[in-house]
Amino acid sequence: MQLKDIQTDLCRTFVVATSLHAGGAVRMRSYGTRFADAFSACIWQVARATSAAPTFFAPVEINDVLYGDGGTGWNNPTREAITEARNIWPNRPIGIVISIGTGLEEALQLNENSTLLSELAQVLLSNTSPQSSFQLAVAEYAVRCLTSCEMVHREIAEHPEHDILEGNYFRLNVPQGMDKIGLAEWDKLRNIIALTNQYLEHGEMRGPKRKIANLLRYPQRASRSSYNF
């Protein structure tokens, strides 16, 4: 099934991948816009492209172009989604933006521009086995993903007025426990569900959940009061 065959009256969908030839983010859309047609590829190809993380999966070729995953610059594609919405509905305010994270790293100290991890990896790689080298590469990739995601969140949360999102931007991200589950541990789904339920059932989440529900049900009542977290 082609991505462009999805019924756009149900839900407009796009994913972000990286063109390994040209660099930069590529939005693979199930719909056409004023600027581009729907992306021509099968759904499985698009899924492979956006998930082709270095050290895990090889790049995928679509229409003679090599694609990899969104990279550390687009692991949190909230900015891309906001820009896309503005392009589709230029005269319509954004009612709500919900960003869903994959869990916070406990005591995460590195920022996106830090060279500490890369320098450490270079030193260790010279005296490590291929298996250890692979594990270091995975660790570096994971940390860069986490830091870039949180940087995008902080920028939007601290300056929601830039995107006219005051009171309508929410970031849902399990604060503890997810960092103990590796990127390749697909068999830990029950743990992920338990941690997520615990987070959502916490008393502090009642207010945000209620406001999200109200904004989704009555988008025309979108409040402009500051309520970001």
Protein backbone atom coordinates (compact mmCIF):
# COMPACT_ATOMS: atom_id res chain seq x y z
CA MET A 1 0.00 0.00 0.00
CA GLN A 2 1.26 3.44 -0.93
CA LEU A 3 1.56 6.17 1.71
CA LYS A 4 -0.35 8.55 -0.57
CA ASP A 5 -3.29 6.08 -0.71
CA ILE A 6 -4.21 6.79 2.93
CA GLN A 7 -7.53 8.64 3.18
CA THR A 8 -6.52 12.19 4.03
CA ASP A 9 -10.00 13.04 5.31
CA LEU A 10 -9.33 10.72 8.26
CA CYS A 11 -5.92 11.97 9.35
CA ARG A 12 -3.07 13.76 7.59
CA THR A 13 0.15 11.95 8.44
CA PHE A 14 3.82 12.65 7.85
CA VAL A 15 7.07 11.24 9.19
CA VAL A 16 10.54 12.74 9.16
CA ALA A 17 13.60 11.10 7.63
CA THR A 18 17.00 12.35 6.49
CA SER A 19 18.21 12.41 2.90
CA LEU A 20 21.73 11.01 3.07
CA HIS A 21 22.61 12.69 -0.23
CA ALA A 22 21.35 16.21 0.40
CA GLY A 23 21.14 16.22 4.20
CA GLY A 24 18.36 17.92 6.12
CA ALA A 25 14.89 16.77 7.09
CA VAL A 26 12.50 15.28 4.55
CA ARG A 27 8.77 15.21 5.36
CA MET A 28 7.21 12.08 3.90
CA ARG A 29 3.53 13.02 3.63
CA SER A 30 0.38 10.98 3.04
CA TYR A 31 -1.17 14.11 1.49
CA GLY A 32 -0.31 16.83 -0.98
CA THR A 33 0.27 20.49 -0.12
CA ARG A 34 0.56 23.77 -2.01
CA PHE A 35 4.28 23.09 -2.27
CA ALA A 36 4.59 19.34 -2.88
CA ASP A 37 2.67 16.19 -3.79
CA ALA A 38 2.18 13.29 -1.40
CA PHE A 39 5.34 11.22 -0.95
CA SER A 40 5.47 8.36 -3.44
CA ALA A 41 6.48 5.19 -1.58
CA CYS A 42 5.02 2.17 0.16
CA ILE A 43 4.14 2.50 3.84
CA TRP A 44 6.76 -0.08 4.83
CA GLN A 45 9.45 1.88 2.96
CA VAL A 46 8.53 5.07 4.78
CA ALA A 47 8.55 3.22 8.11
CA ARG A 48 12.01 1.83 7.34
CA ALA A 49 13.31 5.25 6.35
CA THR A 50 12.21 7.06 9.49
CA SER A 51 13.47 4.25 11.74
CA ALA A 52 16.81 3.58 10.02
CA ALA A 53 18.81 4.55 13.10
CA PRO A 54 22.61 4.32 12.75
CA THR A 55 24.11 1.21 14.41
CA PHE A 56 20.70 -0.52 14.21
CA PHE A 57 19.40 -0.46 10.63
CA ALA A 58 20.92 0.24 7.24
CA PRO A 59 19.66 3.20 5.19
CA VAL A 60 16.81 2.47 2.79
CA GLU A 61 16.69 3.48 -0.89
CA ILE A 62 13.46 5.02 -2.19
CA ASN A 63 13.23 6.31 -5.75
CA ASP A 64 17.05 6.24 -6.09
CA VAL A 65 17.55 8.30 -2.91
CA LEU A 66 19.07 6.95 0.31
CA TYR A 67 17.25 7.81 3.53
CA GLY A 68 18.14 7.38 7.18
CA ASP A 69 16.20 8.16 10.34
CA GLY A 70 15.41 11.68 11.48
CA GLY A 71 18.81 12.03 13.13
CA THR A 72 19.51 13.92 16.33
CA GLY A 73 18.18 17.12 14.84
CA TRP A 74 14.67 15.74 14.28
CA ASN A 75 14.14 13.05 16.90
CA ASN A 76 11.65 15.50 18.38
CA PRO A 77 9.83 16.76 15.25
CA THR A 78 7.53 19.18 17.08
CA ARG A 79 8.91 22.17 15.18
CA GLU A 80 8.35 20.31 11.91
CA ALA A 81 4.73 19.60 12.89
CA ILE A 82 4.09 23.25 13.81
CA THR A 83 5.55 24.46 10.51
CA GLU A 84 3.52 21.88 8.59
CA ALA A 85 0.28 22.95 10.27
CA ARG A 86 0.97 26.59 9.45
CA ASN A 87 1.60 25.72 5.80
CA ILE A 88 -1.64 23.76 5.51
CA TRP A 89 -3.85 26.17 7.47
CA PRO A 90 -2.09 29.58 7.29
CA ASN A 91 -5.08 31.54 8.63
CA ARG A 92 -6.08 29.11 11.36
CA PRO A 93 -4.64 29.17 14.91
CA ILE A 94 -3.12 25.97 16.28
CA GLY A 95 -5.52 24.55 18.86
CA ILE A 96 -3.18 22.15 20.67
CA VAL A 97 0.22 20.49 20.31
CA ILE A 98 0.94 17.28 22.22
CA SER A 99 4.53 16.05 22.19
CA ILE A 100 5.00 12.47 23.42
CA GLY A 101 8.49 11.51 24.59
CA THR A 102 10.07 8.10 25.11
CA GLY A 103 11.22 8.70 28.69
CA LEU A 104 13.78 10.86 30.41
CA GLU A 105 17.33 9.77 31.12
CA GLU A 106 18.07 9.96 34.83
CA ALA A 107 20.66 12.61 35.68
CA LEU A 108 21.18 13.51 32.02
CA GLN A 109 23.91 16.15 31.99
CA LEU A 110 25.22 16.33 28.43
CA ASN A 111 23.87 18.84 25.92
CA GLU A 112 23.65 18.48 22.16
CA ASN A 113 26.90 20.36 21.53
CA SER A 114 28.94 18.47 24.10
CA THR A 115 32.01 16.69 22.73
CA LEU A 116 32.69 14.75 25.93
CA LEU A 117 30.95 11.59 24.82
CA SER A 118 32.55 11.60 21.37
CA GLU A 119 36.02 12.18 22.80
CA LEU A 120 35.54 9.40 25.34
CA ALA A 121 34.35 7.05 22.62
CA GLN A 122 37.38 7.82 20.44
CA VAL A 123 39.75 7.01 23.29
CA LEU A 124 38.02 3.78 24.20
CA LEU A 125 37.43 2.56 20.67
CA SER A 126 41.13 2.15 20.01
CA ASN A 127 41.38 -0.59 22.64
CA THR A 128 38.00 -2.28 22.52
CA SER A 129 36.55 -5.29 20.79
CA PRO A 130 34.10 -4.89 17.89
CA GLN A 131 31.22 -5.77 20.22
CA SER A 132 32.26 -3.12 22.75
CA SER A 133 32.71 -0.60 19.96
CA PHE A 134 29.17 -1.26 18.78
CA GLN A 135 27.82 -0.80 22.31
CA LEU A 136 29.63 2.53 22.63
CA ALA A 137 28.20 3.69 19.32
CA VAL A 138 24.70 2.78 20.46
CA ALA A 139 25.23 4.63 23.75
CA GLU A 140 26.41 7.77 21.97
CA TYR A 141 23.49 7.67 19.57
CA ALA A 142 20.99 7.21 22.41
CA VAL A 143 22.36 10.13 24.44
CA ARG A 144 22.31 12.47 21.45
CA CYS A 145 18.71 11.48 20.72
CA LEU A 146 17.65 12.19 24.29
CA THR A 147 19.44 15.52 24.55
CA SER A 148 18.16 16.84 21.23
CA CYS A 149 14.57 15.88 22.11
CA GLU A 150 14.65 17.73 25.41
CA MET A 151 16.33 20.79 23.88
CA VAL A 152 13.48 21.19 21.39
CA HIS A 153 10.96 20.80 24.22
CA ARG A 154 12.66 23.40 26.40
CA GLU A 155 12.85 25.92 23.56
CA ILE A 156 9.13 25.64 22.86
CA ALA A 157 8.08 25.53 26.53
CA GLU A 158 10.19 28.57 27.43
CA HIS A 159 9.06 30.64 24.41
CA PRO A 160 5.55 29.44 23.47
CA GLU A 161 4.67 32.91 22.24
CA HIS A 162 6.97 32.36 19.25
CA ASP A 163 4.62 29.63 18.05
CA ILE A 164 1.42 31.19 19.44
CA LEU A 165 1.06 28.15 21.69
CA GLU A 166 0.69 29.71 25.13
CA GLY A 167 -1.41 27.32 27.18
CA ASN A 168 -1.80 24.84 24.33
CA TYR A 169 1.55 23.02 24.28
CA PHE A 170 2.01 19.81 26.28
CA ARG A 171 4.94 17.44 26.62
CA LEU A 172 4.15 13.98 28.01
CA ASN A 173 7.30 12.13 29.01
CA VAL A 174 7.78 9.43 31.65
CA PRO A 175 10.32 10.93 34.10
CA GLN A 176 11.84 7.77 35.59
CA GLY A 177 12.45 4.14 34.71
CA MET A 178 12.57 4.27 30.92
CA ASP A 179 16.33 4.83 30.96
CA LYS A 180 16.73 1.29 32.32
CA ILE A 181 15.19 -0.15 29.13
CA GLY A 182 17.56 -0.39 26.16
CA LEU A 183 16.66 0.71 22.65
CA ALA A 184 16.74 -2.89 21.43
CA GLU A 185 14.78 -4.41 24.32
CA TRP A 186 11.51 -4.90 22.46
CA ASP A 187 10.52 -7.63 24.93
CA LYS A 188 10.14 -5.06 27.75
CA LEU A 189 6.82 -3.71 26.45
CA ARG A 190 5.02 -4.64 29.68
CA ASN A 191 7.53 -2.59 31.66
CA ILE A 192 6.96 0.40 29.37
CA ILE A 193 3.18 0.12 29.76
CA ALA A 194 3.46 -0.11 33.56
CA LEU A 195 5.77 2.93 33.80
CA THR A 196 3.53 4.94 31.48
CA ASN A 197 0.36 4.10 33.43
CA GLN A 198 2.06 5.02 36.70
CA TYR A 199 3.10 8.38 35.24
CA LEU A 200 -0.34 9.19 33.81
CA GLU A 201 -2.14 8.18 37.03
CA HIS A 202 0.00 10.45 39.22
CA GLY A 203 -1.94 13.23 40.93
CA GLU A 204 0.07 15.97 39.22
CA MET A 205 -1.19 14.75 35.85
CA ARG A 206 -4.89 15.29 36.58
CA GLY A 207 -4.85 18.95 35.59
CA PRO A 208 -2.89 18.49 32.36
CA LYS A 209 -5.00 15.48 31.32
CA ARG A 210 -8.22 17.40 31.92
CA LYS A 211 -7.03 20.37 29.91
CA ILE A 212 -5.79 18.19 27.05
CA ALA A 213 -9.17 16.42 26.92
CA ASN A 214 -11.06 19.72 26.91
CA LEU A 215 -8.90 21.22 24.16
CA LEU A 216 -9.30 18.12 22.00
CA ARG A 217 -13.05 18.03 22.56
CA TYR A 218 -13.64 21.78 22.29
CA PRO A 219 -10.73 23.20 20.23
CA GLN A 220 -12.60 26.47 19.69
CA ARG A 221 -12.28 27.16 23.42
CA ALA A 222 -8.48 27.08 23.26
CA SER A 223 -7.24 29.10 26.21
CA ARG A 224 -4.24 31.41 25.89
CA SER A 225 -3.32 31.22 29.57
CA SER A 226 0.20 29.97 30.18
CA TYR A 227 0.15 26.29 31.08
CA ASN A 228 3.23 24.52 29.77
CA PHE A 229 5.14 21.76 31.51
